[in-house]
């Protein structure tokens, strides 16, 4: 599936983490969009990397990946 501009389709994922910061435990879902590479494994890996960088941008350094699912619209 391609957009009218000829670029790759953007797929939406929700990446779930268990956050452990300052003695608190919480679950967090980070929504991300990644370009469709045609390989679901690479798409999920890209989503996990993007979501973990988003956590890093928020100053969250201690987390455990719980899952990554494609969001259907």
Protein backbone atom coordinates (compact mmCIF):
# COMPACT_ATOMS: atom_id res chain seq x y z
CA UNK A 1 0.00 0.00 0.00
CA UNK A 2 1.46 3.35 -1.01
CA UNK A 3 0.35 6.93 -0.50
CA UNK A 4 -0.39 9.22 -3.43
CA UNK A 5 3.03 10.82 -3.10
CA UNK A 6 4.76 7.52 -3.87
CA UNK A 7 6.34 7.15 -0.42
CA UNK A 8 6.05 4.12 1.80
CA UNK A 9 2.91 3.58 3.84
CA UNK A 10 3.15 4.55 7.51
CA UNK A 11 2.04 1.79 9.87
CA UNK A 12 0.90 2.53 13.40
CA UNK A 13 2.05 0.41 16.34
CA UNK A 14 1.52 0.45 20.08
CA UNK A 15 4.58 -0.59 22.04
CA UNK A 16 3.95 -1.65 25.65
CA UNK A 17 6.54 -1.22 28.38
CA UNK A 18 6.80 -1.80 32.10
CA UNK A 19 8.46 1.34 33.45
CA UNK A 20 10.58 1.25 36.60
CA UNK A 21 11.55 4.79 37.62
CA UNK A 22 12.12 6.36 41.05
CA UNK A 23 10.74 3.32 42.85
CA UNK A 24 7.49 3.33 40.88
CA UNK A 25 6.25 0.59 38.57
CA UNK A 26 3.82 1.44 35.79
CA UNK A 27 2.71 0.16 32.42
CA UNK A 28 3.07 2.57 29.53
CA UNK A 29 1.88 2.35 25.92
CA UNK A 30 3.83 4.38 23.38
CA UNK A 31 2.11 4.88 20.00
CA UNK A 32 4.49 5.21 17.04
CA UNK A 33 4.31 5.29 13.27
CA UNK A 34 6.95 3.62 11.08
CA UNK A 35 7.45 3.34 7.34
CA UNK A 36 6.35 -0.03 5.95
CA UNK A 37 9.46 -1.95 4.87
CA UNK A 38 7.46 -4.89 3.54
CA UNK A 39 8.82 -7.13 6.34
CA UNK A 40 6.71 -7.22 9.52
CA UNK A 41 9.71 -8.19 11.67
CA UNK A 42 11.63 -5.12 10.55
CA UNK A 43 8.54 -2.92 10.96
CA UNK A 44 8.14 -4.14 14.57
CA UNK A 45 11.84 -3.66 15.28
CA UNK A 46 11.65 -0.09 13.92
CA UNK A 47 8.59 0.56 16.11
CA UNK A 48 10.34 -0.76 19.24
CA UNK A 49 13.41 1.38 18.55
CA UNK A 50 11.28 4.50 17.94
CA UNK A 51 9.28 3.89 21.12
CA UNK A 52 12.37 3.28 23.25
CA UNK A 53 13.90 6.51 21.93
CA UNK A 54 10.67 8.31 22.87
CA UNK A 55 11.04 6.97 26.42
CA UNK A 56 14.66 8.12 26.46
CA UNK A 57 13.53 11.60 25.34
CA UNK A 58 11.19 11.62 28.38
CA UNK A 59 14.11 10.76 30.68
CA UNK A 60 12.90 7.19 31.26
CA UNK A 61 15.92 4.89 31.38
CA UNK A 62 14.63 1.76 33.14
CA UNK A 63 12.03 -0.23 31.26
CA UNK A 64 11.10 -3.72 30.14
CA UNK A 65 9.52 -4.36 26.74
CA UNK A 66 6.15 -6.08 27.15
CA UNK A 67 4.91 -6.19 23.56
CA UNK A 68 4.42 -4.52 20.21
CA UNK A 69 1.18 -4.69 18.22
CA UNK A 70 0.10 -3.16 14.94
CA UNK A 71 -2.88 -0.84 15.34
CA UNK A 72 -5.62 -1.25 12.76
CA UNK A 73 -7.76 1.71 11.88
